[in-house]
Amino acid sequence: MALPPRFCLRAVARSHGWYEIPPFSWDDEARTLALAIQGPRGSVRRLEMRQGSGRQGSSSRLSLAWISRGQPPGEASARRAREEEGRALARRVLNLDWALGPFFELCVRTPPLAWVPGAGAGWILRGPGLFSDLVSSICGTNIAWKQAVRMVHRLCDIAPKDPLGALPRYPTPAELLGAGSEHLRGHARLGYRADSVLRLCEMVMEGRLDLGPAERGELDGPALRGFFQSVPGIGPVTARYLGALYGRFDALAVDSLVLTFLADTRFGGRKPSEAEVQALFEPFGDLRALAYWFEFLGAVDPVTWRGWESEEKVEKARRVGRAVRLERNGQASEQA
């Protein structure tokens, strides 16, 4: 399938932590993003996405491959249906329908974001369905990301794995309800989050929570965030993060990570107030959440995000990183 100009699969796959948890896996050496989903009659299928063959994966086309047990569909109509399903799934998880021209223009004028267009970044990875995005977001609240990754992997132990036996699809609401609190609290170690996940499953199963409008992109920013906050276990900050995954960038989520990062990079070591952070990104308007996110990515790992184009740029980024660390250490010593 064709890709938008400037698109880099590696940049998009690693744009968000979902690549570390089911139903995704990312092979950095092979530059391949894999995704497990439920197939017909209870089967599990694996979709593999790969871009180009060079180091950057800069091809303008994305190769898709289904891996499943049994015979592939023989009739031409069945094959076309499978191909279209794969393309639709890739478009969804990679957010290929985003029109990022205005954002790229903004990046060119903004030094902390100037690297974005050249790196093929700007899109953000999201899950194959809203339900998995909601549950994984609940798992990631008030916890270190490494712990959340282990939590989601244990949560998905009840789900069947793909044909290669390595990657589970995401559990369904019925499966999570069937596993019950014992699995969520005892095995997956969700703690208090287990109650929120089980309530969400009940609401979906009973039809009391309609995921459709949000799934189809029918809600504007405020309405979408209001919907997310109606979900058990999701507060205003998580609702704003989720809004960005679904293409609504007009509200910036400010949590302790944001405050710590900006204290270091924009406020000379002083932790800002939320009002100061919001004012800092207000000039970016409806793109403020996207602007913050890629400023953050480019600063926390400049070698990955701004230096992979060439060995020369990688080494330059490393030198800059060392200089910054030395300067910070020196400042810390003087302050001490």
C-alpha atoms as a PDB file:
ATOM      1  CA  MET A   1       0.000   0.000   0.000  1.00  0.00           C
ATOM      2  CA  ALA A   2       1.123   3.582  -0.669  1.00  0.00           C
ATOM      3  CA  LEU A   3       2.358   5.736   2.206  1.00  0.00           C
ATOM      4  CA  PRO A   4       2.190   9.492   2.781  1.00  0.00           C
ATOM      5  CA  PRO A   5       5.280  11.536   1.896  1.00  0.00           C
ATOM      6  CA  ARG A   6       7.967  11.624   4.607  1.00  0.00           C
ATOM      7  CA  PHE A   7       6.499   8.593   6.413  1.00  0.00           C
ATOM      8  CA  CYS A   8       8.907   6.303   8.312  1.00  0.00           C
ATOM      9  CA  LEU A   9       7.495   3.135   9.854  1.00  0.00           C
ATOM     10  CA  ARG A  10      10.189   2.960  12.521  1.00  0.00           C
ATOM     11  CA  ALA A  11       9.480   6.507  13.651  1.00  0.00           C
ATOM     12  CA  VAL A  12       5.746   5.864  13.851  1.00  0.00           C
ATOM     13  CA  ALA A  13       6.018   2.454  15.512  1.00  0.00           C
ATOM     14  CA  ARG A  14       8.263   3.870  18.222  1.00  0.00           C
ATOM     15  CA  SER A  15       6.253   7.076  18.604  1.00  0.00           C
ATOM     16  CA  HIS A  16       4.173   5.565  21.360  1.00  0.00           C
ATOM     17  CA  GLY A  17       4.729   2.848  23.945  1.00  0.00           C
ATOM     18  CA  TRP A  18       2.055   0.567  22.488  1.00  0.00           C
ATOM     19  CA  TYR A  19       4.746  -1.140  20.362  1.00  0.00           C
ATOM     20  CA  GLU A  20       6.022  -2.766  23.566  1.00  0.00           C
ATOM     21  CA  ILE A  21       2.723  -4.381  24.559  1.00  0.00           C
ATOM     22  CA  PRO A  22       0.242  -6.833  23.009  1.00  0.00           C
ATOM     23  CA  PRO A  23      -1.167  -7.047  20.489  1.00  0.00           C
ATOM     24  CA  PHE A  24       1.965  -5.426  18.966  1.00  0.00           C
ATOM     25  CA  SER A  25       5.597  -6.378  18.632  1.00  0.00           C
ATOM     26  CA  TRP A  26       8.369  -4.425  16.947  1.00  0.00           C
ATOM     27  CA  ASP A  27      11.513  -5.981  15.456  1.00  0.00           C
ATOM     28  CA  ASP A  28      13.985  -3.119  15.205  1.00  0.00           C
ATOM     29  CA  GLU A  29      16.546  -5.095  13.201  1.00  0.00           C
ATOM     30  CA  ALA A  30      13.990  -6.249  10.627  1.00  0.00           C
ATOM     31  CA  ARG A  31      12.048  -2.946  10.817  1.00  0.00           C
ATOM     32  CA  THR A  32       8.845  -4.962  11.099  1.00  0.00           C
ATOM     33  CA  LEU A  33       5.741  -4.124  13.108  1.00  0.00           C
ATOM     34  CA  ALA A  34       3.555  -7.147  13.901  1.00  0.00           C
ATOM     35  CA  LEU A  35      -0.009  -7.141  15.173  1.00  0.00           C
ATOM     36  CA  ALA A  36      -2.208 -10.050  16.313  1.00  0.00           C
ATOM     37  CA  ILE A  37      -5.980  -9.933  15.887  1.00  0.00           C
ATOM     38  CA  GLN A  38      -8.882 -12.328  16.138  1.00  0.00           C
ATOM     39  CA  GLY A  39      -9.744 -14.134  12.925  1.00  0.00           C
ATOM     40  CA  PRO A  40     -12.757 -16.187  11.863  1.00  0.00           C
ATOM     41  CA  ARG A  41     -14.007 -19.054  14.030  1.00  0.00           C
ATOM     42  CA  GLY A  42     -11.813 -18.146  16.971  1.00  0.00           C
ATOM     43  CA  SER A  43      -8.520 -18.182  15.066  1.00  0.00           C
ATOM     44  CA  VAL A  44      -5.744 -15.647  15.550  1.00  0.00           C
ATOM     45  CA  ARG A  45      -4.035 -13.924  12.663  1.00  0.00           C
ATOM     46  CA  ARG A  46      -0.799 -11.944  12.542  1.00  0.00           C
ATOM     47  CA  LEU A  47      -0.365  -8.914  10.306  1.00  0.00           C
ATOM     48  CA  GLU A  48       3.228  -7.940   9.577  1.00  0.00           C
ATOM     49  CA  MET A  49       4.047  -4.461   8.251  1.00  0.00           C
ATOM     50  CA  ARG A  50       7.399  -3.591   6.714  1.00  0.00           C
ATOM     51  CA  GLN A  51       8.647  -0.536   4.855  1.00  0.00           C
ATOM     52  CA  GLY A  52      11.512  -0.691   2.396  1.00  0.00           C
ATOM     53  CA  SER A  53      14.783  -2.540   2.842  1.00  0.00           C
ATOM     54  CA  GLY A  54      17.247   0.223   3.706  1.00  0.00           C
ATOM     55  CA  ARG A  55      18.402   1.377   7.079  1.00  0.00           C
ATOM     56  CA  GLN A  56      15.821   4.117   7.303  1.00  0.00           C
ATOM     57  CA  GLY A  57      13.013   2.119   5.719  1.00  0.00           C
ATOM     58  CA  SER A  58      12.278   5.122   3.518  1.00  0.00           C
ATOM     59  CA  SER A  59      10.312   3.391   0.778  1.00  0.00           C
ATOM     60  CA  SER A  60       7.060   5.069  -0.218  1.00  0.00           C
ATOM     61  CA  ARG A  61       5.183   1.774   0.080  1.00  0.00           C
ATOM     62  CA  LEU A  62       4.295  -0.506   2.964  1.00  0.00           C
ATOM     63  CA  SER A  63       4.403  -4.274   2.541  1.00  0.00           C
ATOM     64  CA  LEU A  64       1.699  -6.210   4.395  1.00  0.00           C
ATOM     65  CA  ALA A  65       1.651  -9.942   5.079  1.00  0.00           C
ATOM     66  CA  TRP A  66      -1.020 -12.020   6.812  1.00  0.00           C
ATOM     67  CA  ILE A  67       0.160 -15.067   8.733  1.00  0.00           C
ATOM     68  CA  SER A  68      -2.506 -17.542   9.796  1.00  0.00           C
ATOM     69  CA  ARG A  69      -3.098 -21.240  10.209  1.00  0.00           C
ATOM     70  CA  GLY A  70      -4.856 -23.242   7.533  1.00  0.00           C
ATOM     71  CA  GLN A  71      -5.244 -22.571   3.848  1.00  0.00           C
ATOM     72  CA  PRO A  72      -5.341 -18.970   2.618  1.00  0.00           C
ATOM     73  CA  PRO A  73      -8.507 -17.871   0.806  1.00  0.00           C
ATOM     74  CA  GLY A  74      -8.465 -19.312  -2.686  1.00  0.00           C
ATOM     75  CA  GLU A  75     -11.002 -17.198  -4.546  1.00  0.00           C
ATOM     76  CA  ALA A  76      -9.994 -13.821  -5.920  1.00  0.00           C
ATOM     77  CA  SER A  77     -12.797 -12.071  -4.020  1.00  0.00           C
ATOM     78  CA  ALA A  78     -11.649 -13.619  -0.744  1.00  0.00           C
ATOM     79  CA  ARG A  79      -8.064 -12.582  -1.395  1.00  0.00           C
ATOM     80  CA  ARG A  80      -9.123  -9.022  -2.186  1.00  0.00           C
ATOM     81  CA  ALA A  81     -11.191  -8.890   1.005  1.00  0.00           C
ATOM     82  CA  ARG A  82      -8.185 -10.042   3.039  1.00  0.00           C
ATOM     83  CA  GLU A  83      -5.959  -7.454   1.364  1.00  0.00           C
ATOM     84  CA  GLU A  84      -8.437  -4.667   2.032  1.00  0.00           C
ATOM     85  CA  GLU A  85      -8.772  -5.758   5.649  1.00  0.00           C
ATOM     86  CA  GLY A  86      -4.999  -5.580   6.057  1.00  0.00           C
ATOM     87  CA  ARG A  87      -4.807  -2.141   4.493  1.00  0.00           C
ATOM     88  CA  ALA A  88      -7.627  -0.820   6.673  1.00  0.00           C
ATOM     89  CA  LEU A  89      -5.978  -2.188   9.809  1.00  0.00           C
ATOM     90  CA  ALA A  90      -2.619  -0.654   8.877  1.00  0.00           C
ATOM     91  CA  ARG A  91      -4.272   2.704   8.167  1.00  0.00           C
ATOM     92  CA  ARG A  92      -5.914   2.624  11.567  1.00  0.00           C
ATOM     93  CA  VAL A  93      -2.985   1.658  13.780  1.00  0.00           C
ATOM     94  CA  LEU A  94      -0.535   3.960  11.961  1.00  0.00           C
ATOM     95  CA  ASN A  95      -3.071   6.832  11.787  1.00  0.00           C
ATOM     96  CA  LEU A  96      -2.352   7.255   8.079  1.00  0.00           C
ATOM     97  CA  ASP A  97      -5.440   9.411   7.547  1.00  0.00           C
ATOM     98  CA  TRP A  98      -3.986  12.279   9.539  1.00  0.00           C
ATOM     99  CA  ALA A  99      -3.357  15.350   7.368  1.00  0.00           C
ATOM    100  CA  LEU A 100      -0.061  16.547   8.826  1.00  0.00           C
ATOM    101  CA  GLY A 101       0.864  19.271   6.331  1.00  0.00           C
ATOM    102  CA  PRO A 102       0.124  22.115   8.799  1.00  0.00           C
ATOM    103  CA  PHE A 103       2.090  20.338  11.511  1.00  0.00           C
ATOM    104  CA  PHE A 104       5.138  19.912   9.272  1.00  0.00           C
ATOM    105  CA  GLU A 105       4.980  23.613   8.378  1.00  0.00           C
ATOM    106  CA  LEU A 106       4.916  24.370  12.096  1.00  0.00           C
ATOM    107  CA  CYS A 107       7.919  22.092  12.670  1.00  0.00           C
ATOM    108  CA  VAL A 108      10.023  23.952  10.110  1.00  0.00           C
ATOM    109  CA  ARG A 109       9.461  27.201  12.036  1.00  0.00           C
ATOM    110  CA  THR A 110      10.045  25.674  15.480  1.00  0.00           C
ATOM    111  CA  PRO A 111      13.649  24.676  16.365  1.00  0.00           C
ATOM    112  CA  PRO A 112      12.774  21.881  18.850  1.00  0.00           C
ATOM    113  CA  LEU A 113      10.603  20.285  16.132  1.00  0.00           C
ATOM    114  CA  ALA A 114      12.720  20.959  13.044  1.00  0.00           C
ATOM    115  CA  TRP A 115      13.913  17.325  12.970  1.00  0.00           C
ATOM    116  CA  VAL A 116      10.405  15.858  12.631  1.00  0.00           C
ATOM    117  CA  PRO A 117       9.762  16.012   8.849  1.00  0.00           C
ATOM    118  CA  GLY A 118      13.217  14.669   7.961  1.00  0.00           C
ATOM    119  CA  ALA A 119      12.823  11.749  10.371  1.00  0.00           C
ATOM    120  CA  GLY A 120       9.489  10.674   8.884  1.00  0.00           C
ATOM    121  CA  ALA A 121       7.778  11.259  12.229  1.00  0.00           C
ATOM    122  CA  GLY A 122       4.531  13.013  13.157  1.00  0.00           C
ATOM    123  CA  TRP A 123       2.093  10.098  13.212  1.00  0.00           C
ATOM    124  CA  ILE A 124       1.372   8.228  16.477  1.00  0.00           C
ATOM    125  CA  LEU A 125       0.761   4.507  16.883  1.00  0.00           C
ATOM    126  CA  ARG A 126      -2.595   3.413  18.317  1.00  0.00           C
ATOM    127  CA  GLY A 127      -4.215   0.045  18.924  1.00  0.00           C
ATOM    128  CA  PRO A 128      -6.344  -2.021  16.538  1.00  0.00           C
ATOM    129  CA  GLY A 129      -9.502  -1.139  18.462  1.00  0.00           C
ATOM    130  CA  LEU A 130     -10.689   1.400  20.989  1.00  0.00           C
ATOM    131  CA  PHE A 131     -11.301  -1.221  23.655  1.00  0.00           C
ATOM    132  CA  SER A 132      -7.632  -2.240  23.815  1.00  0.00           C
ATOM    133  CA  ASP A 133      -6.559   1.425  23.889  1.00  0.00           C
ATOM    134  CA  LEU A 134      -8.877   2.052  26.836  1.00  0.00           C
ATOM    135  CA  VAL A 135      -7.766  -0.964  28.866  1.00  0.00           C
ATOM    136  CA  SER A 136      -4.061  -0.352  28.247  1.00  0.00           C
ATOM    137  CA  SER A 137      -4.507   3.311  29.221  1.00  0.00           C
ATOM    138  CA  ILE A 138      -6.151   2.290  32.496  1.00  0.00           C
ATOM    139  CA  CYS A 139      -3.220  -0.049  33.136  1.00  0.00           C
ATOM    140  CA  GLY A 140      -0.777   2.814  32.562  1.00  0.00           C
ATOM    141  CA  THR A 141      -2.234   5.257  35.087  1.00  0.00           C
ATOM    142  CA  ASN A 142      -0.238   6.190  38.198  1.00  0.00           C
ATOM    143  CA  ILE A 143       2.538   3.713  37.446  1.00  0.00           C
ATOM    144  CA  ALA A 144       5.957   3.570  35.806  1.00  0.00           C
ATOM    145  CA  TRP A 145       5.766   2.572  32.147  1.00  0.00           C
ATOM    146  CA  LYS A 146       7.987  -0.504  32.609  1.00  0.00           C
ATOM    147  CA  GLN A 147       5.572  -1.807  35.213  1.00  0.00           C
ATOM    148  CA  ALA A 148       2.614  -1.068  32.931  1.00  0.00           C
ATOM    149  CA  VAL A 149       4.257  -3.074  30.129  1.00  0.00           C
ATOM    150  CA  ARG A 150       4.597  -6.120  32.372  1.00  0.00           C
ATOM    151  CA  MET A 151       1.039  -5.623  33.577  1.00  0.00           C
ATOM    152  CA  VAL A 152      -0.459  -5.639  30.064  1.00  0.00           C
ATOM    153  CA  HIS A 153       1.602  -8.670  29.044  1.00  0.00           C
ATOM    154  CA  ARG A 154       0.289 -10.600  32.061  1.00  0.00           C
ATOM    155  CA  LEU A 155      -3.232  -9.365  31.383  1.00  0.00           C
ATOM    156  CA  CYS A 156      -3.043 -10.830  27.872  1.00  0.00           C
ATOM    157  CA  ASP A 157      -1.897 -14.264  29.047  1.00  0.00           C
ATOM    158  CA  ILE A 158      -5.498 -15.479  28.806  1.00  0.00           C
ATOM    159  CA  ALA A 159      -5.719 -14.645  25.085  1.00  0.00           C
ATOM    160  CA  PRO A 160      -4.718 -17.106  22.340  1.00  0.00           C
ATOM    161  CA  LYS A 161      -1.490 -16.385  20.461  1.00  0.00           C
ATOM    162  CA  ASP A 162      -0.750 -15.818  16.809  1.00  0.00           C
ATOM    163  CA  PRO A 163       0.264 -18.674  14.454  1.00  0.00           C
ATOM    164  CA  LEU A 164       3.939 -18.163  15.325  1.00  0.00           C
ATOM    165  CA  GLY A 165       3.096 -18.735  18.992  1.00  0.00           C
ATOM    166  CA  ALA A 166       4.742 -15.532  20.131  1.00  0.00           C
ATOM    167  CA  LEU A 167       2.187 -12.740  20.186  1.00  0.00           C
ATOM    168  CA  PRO A 168      -1.232 -12.821  21.891  1.00  0.00           C
ATOM    169  CA  ARG A 169      -4.176 -10.904  20.549  1.00  0.00           C
ATOM    170  CA  TYR A 170      -5.889  -8.593  23.005  1.00  0.00           C
ATOM    171  CA  PRO A 171      -8.479 -10.221  25.317  1.00  0.00           C
ATOM    172  CA  THR A 172     -12.114  -9.478  24.605  1.00  0.00           C
ATOM    173  CA  PRO A 173     -14.443  -7.961  27.235  1.00  0.00           C
ATOM    174  CA  ALA A 174     -16.066 -11.383  27.660  1.00  0.00           C
ATOM    175  CA  GLU A 175     -12.701 -13.065  28.232  1.00  0.00           C
ATOM    176  CA  LEU A 176     -11.640 -10.507  30.824  1.00  0.00           C
ATOM    177  CA  LEU A 177     -14.951 -10.838  32.646  1.00  0.00           C
ATOM    178  CA  GLY A 178     -14.566 -14.606  32.549  1.00  0.00           C
ATOM    179  CA  ALA A 179     -11.052 -14.381  34.002  1.00  0.00           C
ATOM    180  CA  GLY A 180     -12.424 -12.138  36.736  1.00  0.00           C
ATOM    181  CA  SER A 181     -10.799 -10.243  39.539  1.00  0.00           C
ATOM    182  CA  GLU A 182      -8.557 -13.170  40.477  1.00  0.00           C
ATOM    183  CA  HIS A 183      -6.677 -12.996  37.179  1.00  0.00           C
ATOM    184  CA  LEU A 184      -6.591  -9.205  36.989  1.00  0.00           C
ATOM    185  CA  ARG A 185      -5.474  -8.694  40.566  1.00  0.00           C
ATOM    186  CA  GLY A 186      -3.570 -11.873  41.318  1.00  0.00           C
ATOM    187  CA  HIS A 187      -1.829 -12.689  38.045  1.00  0.00           C
ATOM    188  CA  ALA A 188      -1.794  -9.429  36.079  1.00  0.00           C
ATOM    189  CA  ARG A 189      -1.358  -7.366  39.274  1.00  0.00           C
ATOM    190  CA  LEU A 190      -3.602  -4.519  38.210  1.00  0.00           C
ATOM    191  CA  GLY A 191      -4.416  -3.649  41.796  1.00  0.00           C
ATOM    192  CA  TYR A 192      -7.255  -1.124  42.108  1.00  0.00           C
ATOM    193  CA  ARG A 193      -7.285  -0.791  38.278  1.00  0.00           C
ATOM    194  CA  ALA A 194      -8.905  -4.240  38.059  1.00  0.00           C
ATOM    195  CA  ASP A 195     -12.250  -2.839  39.210  1.00  0.00           C
ATOM    196  CA  SER A 196     -12.188  -0.185  36.478  1.00  0.00           C
ATOM    197  CA  VAL A 197     -11.328  -2.718  33.762  1.00  0.00           C
ATOM    198  CA  LEU A 198     -14.084  -5.092  34.850  1.00  0.00           C
ATOM    199  CA  ARG A 199     -16.648  -2.271  35.006  1.00  0.00           C
ATOM    200  CA  LEU A 200     -15.612  -1.184  31.503  1.00  0.00           C
ATOM    201  CA  CYS A 201     -16.080  -4.744  30.238  1.00  0.00           C
ATOM    202  CA  GLU A 202     -19.542  -4.935  31.813  1.00  0.00           C
ATOM    203  CA  MET A 203     -20.582  -1.613  30.278  1.00  0.00           C
ATOM    204  CA  VAL A 204     -19.443  -2.708  26.823  1.00  0.00           C
ATOM    205  CA  MET A 205     -21.040  -6.155  27.072  1.00  0.00           C
ATOM    206  CA  GLU A 206     -24.354  -4.732  28.328  1.00  0.00           C
ATOM    207  CA  GLY A 207     -24.458  -1.986  25.698  1.00  0.00           C
ATOM    208  CA  ARG A 208     -24.275   0.824  28.257  1.00  0.00           C
ATOM    209  CA  LEU A 209     -21.118   2.244  26.650  1.00  0.00           C
ATOM    210  CA  ASP A 210     -21.158   2.783  22.884  1.00  0.00           C
ATOM    211  CA  LEU A 211     -17.584   2.873  21.567  1.00  0.00           C
ATOM    212  CA  GLY A 212     -18.738   3.505  18.001  1.00  0.00           C
ATOM    213  CA  PRO A 213     -18.735   7.331  17.691  1.00  0.00           C
ATOM    214  CA  ALA A 214     -15.270   7.658  19.242  1.00  0.00           C
ATOM    215  CA  GLU A 215     -13.977   4.704  17.221  1.00  0.00           C
ATOM    216  CA  ARG A 216     -15.187   6.246  13.960  1.00  0.00           C
ATOM    217  CA  GLY A 217     -13.784   9.717  14.705  1.00  0.00           C
ATOM    218  CA  GLU A 218     -17.190  11.396  14.910  1.00  0.00           C
ATOM    219  CA  LEU A 219     -16.465  13.404  18.077  1.00  0.00           C
ATOM    220  CA  ASP A 220     -14.625  16.718  18.255  1.00  0.00           C
ATOM    221  CA  GLY A 221     -11.956  17.310  20.886  1.00  0.00           C
ATOM    222  CA  PRO A 222     -14.101  18.332  23.885  1.00  0.00           C
ATOM    223  CA  ALA A 223     -16.758  15.687  23.155  1.00  0.00           C
ATOM    224  CA  LEU A 224     -14.122  12.976  22.704  1.00  0.00           C
ATOM    225  CA  ARG A 225     -12.392  13.847  25.958  1.00  0.00           C
ATOM    226  CA  GLY A 226     -15.756  13.922  27.713  1.00  0.00           C
ATOM    227  CA  PHE A 227     -16.479  10.439  26.397  1.00  0.00           C
ATOM    228  CA  PHE A 228     -13.117   9.128  27.603  1.00  0.00           C
ATOM    229  CA  GLN A 229     -13.722  10.594  31.064  1.00  0.00           C
ATOM    230  CA  SER A 230     -17.002   8.683  31.235  1.00  0.00           C
ATOM    231  CA  VAL A 231     -14.968   5.457  31.134  1.00  0.00           C
ATOM    232  CA  PRO A 232     -14.169   3.978  34.571  1.00  0.00           C
ATOM    233  CA  GLY A 233     -10.574   4.617  35.584  1.00  0.00           C
ATOM    234  CA  ILE A 234      -9.857   7.380  33.046  1.00  0.00           C
ATOM    235  CA  GLY A 235      -9.386  10.918  34.323  1.00  0.00           C
ATOM    236  CA  PRO A 236      -8.763  14.242  32.566  1.00  0.00           C
ATOM    237  CA  VAL A 237      -5.043  13.699  31.925  1.00  0.00           C
ATOM    238  CA  THR A 238      -5.457  10.215  30.445  1.00  0.00           C
ATOM    239  CA  ALA A 239      -8.428  11.459  28.415  1.00  0.00           C
ATOM    240  CA  ARG A 240      -6.201  14.082  26.809  1.00  0.00           C
ATOM    241  CA  TYR A 241      -3.501  11.531  26.005  1.00  0.00           C
ATOM    242  CA  LEU A 242      -6.113   9.293  24.404  1.00  0.00           C
ATOM    243  CA  GLY A 243      -7.516  12.252  22.506  1.00  0.00           C
ATOM    244  CA  ALA A 244      -4.135  12.713  20.824  1.00  0.00           C
ATOM    245  CA  LEU A 245      -4.095   9.046  19.753  1.00  0.00           C
ATOM    246  CA  TYR A 246      -7.412   9.723  18.037  1.00  0.00           C
ATOM    247  CA  GLY A 247      -6.313  12.866  16.227  1.00  0.00           C
ATOM    248  CA  ARG A 248      -7.511  15.569  18.636  1.00  0.00           C
ATOM    249  CA  PHE A 249      -4.463  17.658  19.591  1.00  0.00           C
ATOM    250  CA  ASP A 250      -6.170  20.779  20.950  1.00  0.00           C
ATOM    251  CA  ALA A 251      -5.661  19.917  24.639  1.00  0.00           C
ATOM    252  CA  LEU A 252      -2.322  19.229  26.307  1.00  0.00           C
ATOM    253  CA  ALA A 253      -2.188  16.600  29.040  1.00  0.00           C
ATOM    254  CA  VAL A 254      -0.030  17.877  31.883  1.00  0.00           C
ATOM    255  CA  ASP A 255       1.180  15.304  34.382  1.00  0.00           C
ATOM    256  CA  SER A 256       4.292  14.875  36.529  1.00  0.00           C
ATOM    257  CA  LEU A 257       6.347  13.621  33.571  1.00  0.00           C
ATOM    258  CA  VAL A 258       5.499  16.717  31.524  1.00  0.00           C
ATOM    259  CA  LEU A 259       6.359  19.029  34.416  1.00  0.00           C
ATOM    260  CA  THR A 260       9.682  17.289  35.077  1.00  0.00           C
ATOM    261  CA  PHE A 261      10.675  17.296  31.402  1.00  0.00           C
ATOM    262  CA  LEU A 262       9.849  20.962  30.853  1.00  0.00           C
ATOM    263  CA  ALA A 263      11.500  22.003  34.107  1.00  0.00           C
ATOM    264  CA  ASP A 264      14.717  20.571  32.706  1.00  0.00           C
ATOM    265  CA  THR A 265      14.393  21.845  29.130  1.00  0.00           C
ATOM    266  CA  ARG A 266      12.383  25.072  29.251  1.00  0.00           C
ATOM    267  CA  PHE A 267      12.367  26.467  32.800  1.00  0.00           C
ATOM    268  CA  GLY A 268      15.991  26.236  33.922  1.00  0.00           C
ATOM    269  CA  GLY A 269      15.408  23.461  36.426  1.00  0.00           C
ATOM    270  CA  ARG A 270      12.388  25.115  38.048  1.00  0.00           C
ATOM    271  CA  LYS A 271       9.234  23.009  37.976  1.00  0.00           C
ATOM    272  CA  PRO A 272       6.554  25.078  36.222  1.00  0.00           C
ATOM    273  CA  SER A 273       2.900  25.285  37.084  1.00  0.00           C
ATOM    274  CA  GLU A 274       0.315  23.723  34.801  1.00  0.00           C
ATOM    275  CA  ALA A 275      -0.809  27.213  33.794  1.00  0.00           C
ATOM    276  CA  GLU A 276       2.734  28.051  32.668  1.00  0.00           C
ATOM    277  CA  VAL A 277       2.920  24.862  30.607  1.00  0.00           C
ATOM    278  CA  GLN A 278      -0.413  25.526  28.958  1.00  0.00           C
ATOM    279  CA  ALA A 279       0.658  29.092  28.145  1.00  0.00           C
ATOM    280  CA  LEU A 280       3.934  27.820  26.667  1.00  0.00           C
ATOM    281  CA  PHE A 281       2.119  25.638  24.130  1.00  0.00           C
ATOM    282  CA  GLU A 282      -0.908  27.850  23.536  1.00  0.00           C
ATOM    283  CA  PRO A 283       0.663  29.390  20.365  1.00  0.00           C
ATOM    284  CA  PHE A 284       0.490  25.933  18.747  1.00  0.00           C
ATOM    285  CA  GLY A 285      -3.305  26.067  18.883  1.00  0.00           C
ATOM    286  CA  ASP A 286      -5.075  22.893  17.811  1.00  0.00           C
ATOM    287  CA  LEU A 287      -1.685  21.172  17.354  1.00  0.00           C
ATOM    288  CA  ARG A 288      -0.369  21.781  20.870  1.00  0.00           C
ATOM    289  CA  ALA A 289      -0.458  18.148  22.034  1.00  0.00           C
ATOM    290  CA  LEU A 290       1.346  16.965  18.903  1.00  0.00           C
ATOM    291  CA  ALA A 291       3.937  19.741  19.246  1.00  0.00           C
ATOM    292  CA  TYR A 292       4.661  18.809  22.861  1.00  0.00           C
ATOM    293  CA  TRP A 293       4.884  15.085  22.180  1.00  0.00           C
ATOM    294  CA  PHE A 294       7.484  15.346  19.454  1.00  0.00           C
ATOM    295  CA  GLU A 295       9.480  17.974  21.314  1.00  0.00           C
ATOM    296  CA  PHE A 296       9.594  15.454  24.158  1.00  0.00           C
ATOM    297  CA  LEU A 297      10.633  12.533  21.936  1.00  0.00           C
ATOM    298  CA  GLY A 298      13.336  14.534  20.193  1.00  0.00           C
ATOM    299  CA  ALA A 299      14.842  15.700  23.474  1.00  0.00           C
ATOM    300  CA  VAL A 300      14.792  12.514  25.544  1.00  0.00           C
ATOM    301  CA  ASP A 301      16.472  10.379  22.858  1.00  0.00           C
ATOM    302  CA  PRO A 302      18.138  12.588  20.232  1.00  0.00           C
ATOM    303  CA  VAL A 303      20.191   9.729  18.798  1.00  0.00           C
ATOM    304  CA  THR A 304      17.098   7.703  17.946  1.00  0.00           C
ATOM    305  CA  TRP A 305      14.884  10.547  16.850  1.00  0.00           C
ATOM    306  CA  ARG A 306      17.217  13.063  15.268  1.00  0.00           C
ATOM    307  CA  GLY A 307      20.327  11.100  14.371  1.00  0.00           C
ATOM    308  CA  TRP A 308      19.516   7.959  12.468  1.00  0.00           C
ATOM    309  CA  GLU A 309      19.772   9.533   8.990  1.00  0.00           C
ATOM    310  CA  SER A 310      23.561   9.070   8.860  1.00  0.00           C
ATOM    311  CA  GLU A 311      26.469   7.941  11.021  1.00  0.00           C
ATOM    312  CA  GLU A 312      27.748  11.521  11.003  1.00  0.00           C
ATOM    313  CA  LYS A 313      24.481  12.810  12.454  1.00  0.00           C
ATOM    314  CA  VAL A 314      24.386   9.986  14.996  1.00  0.00           C
ATOM    315  CA  GLU A 315      27.875  10.891  16.239  1.00  0.00           C
ATOM    316  CA  LYS A 316      27.000  14.577  16.294  1.00  0.00           C
ATOM    317  CA  ALA A 317      23.896  13.865  18.384  1.00  0.00           C
ATOM    318  CA  ARG A 318      25.993  11.801  20.777  1.00  0.00           C
ATOM    319  CA  ARG A 319      28.521  14.635  21.155  1.00  0.00           C
ATOM    320  CA  VAL A 320      25.721  17.089  21.827  1.00  0.00           C
ATOM    321  CA  GLY A 321      24.197  14.710  24.377  1.00  0.00           C
ATOM    322  CA  ARG A 322      27.531  14.316  26.170  1.00  0.00           C
ATOM    323  CA  ALA A 323      28.035  18.084  26.231  1.00  0.00           C
ATOM    324  CA  VAL A 324      24.574  18.650  27.670  1.00  0.00           C
ATOM    325  CA  ARG A 325      25.135  16.032  30.361  1.00  0.00           C
ATOM    326  CA  LEU A 326      28.516  17.530  31.288  1.00  0.00           C
ATOM    327  CA  GLU A 327      27.009  21.004  31.456  1.00  0.00           C
ATOM    328  CA  ARG A 328      24.159  19.787  33.645  1.00  0.00           C
ATOM    329  CA  ASN A 329      26.552  17.907  35.919  1.00  0.00           C
ATOM    330  CA  GLY A 330      28.657  21.039  36.241  1.00  0.00           C
ATOM    331  CA  GLN A 331      25.654  23.133  37.111  1.00  0.00           C
ATOM    332  CA  ALA A 332      24.573  20.568  39.673  1.00  0.00           C
ATOM    333  CA  SER A 333      28.034  20.624  41.270  1.00  0.00           C
ATOM    334  CA  GLU A 334      28.022  24.409  41.457  1.00  0.00           C
ATOM    335  CA  GLN A 335      24.565  24.425  43.014  1.00  0.00           C
ATOM    336  CA  ALA A 336      25.608  21.766  45.513  1.00  0.00           C
END
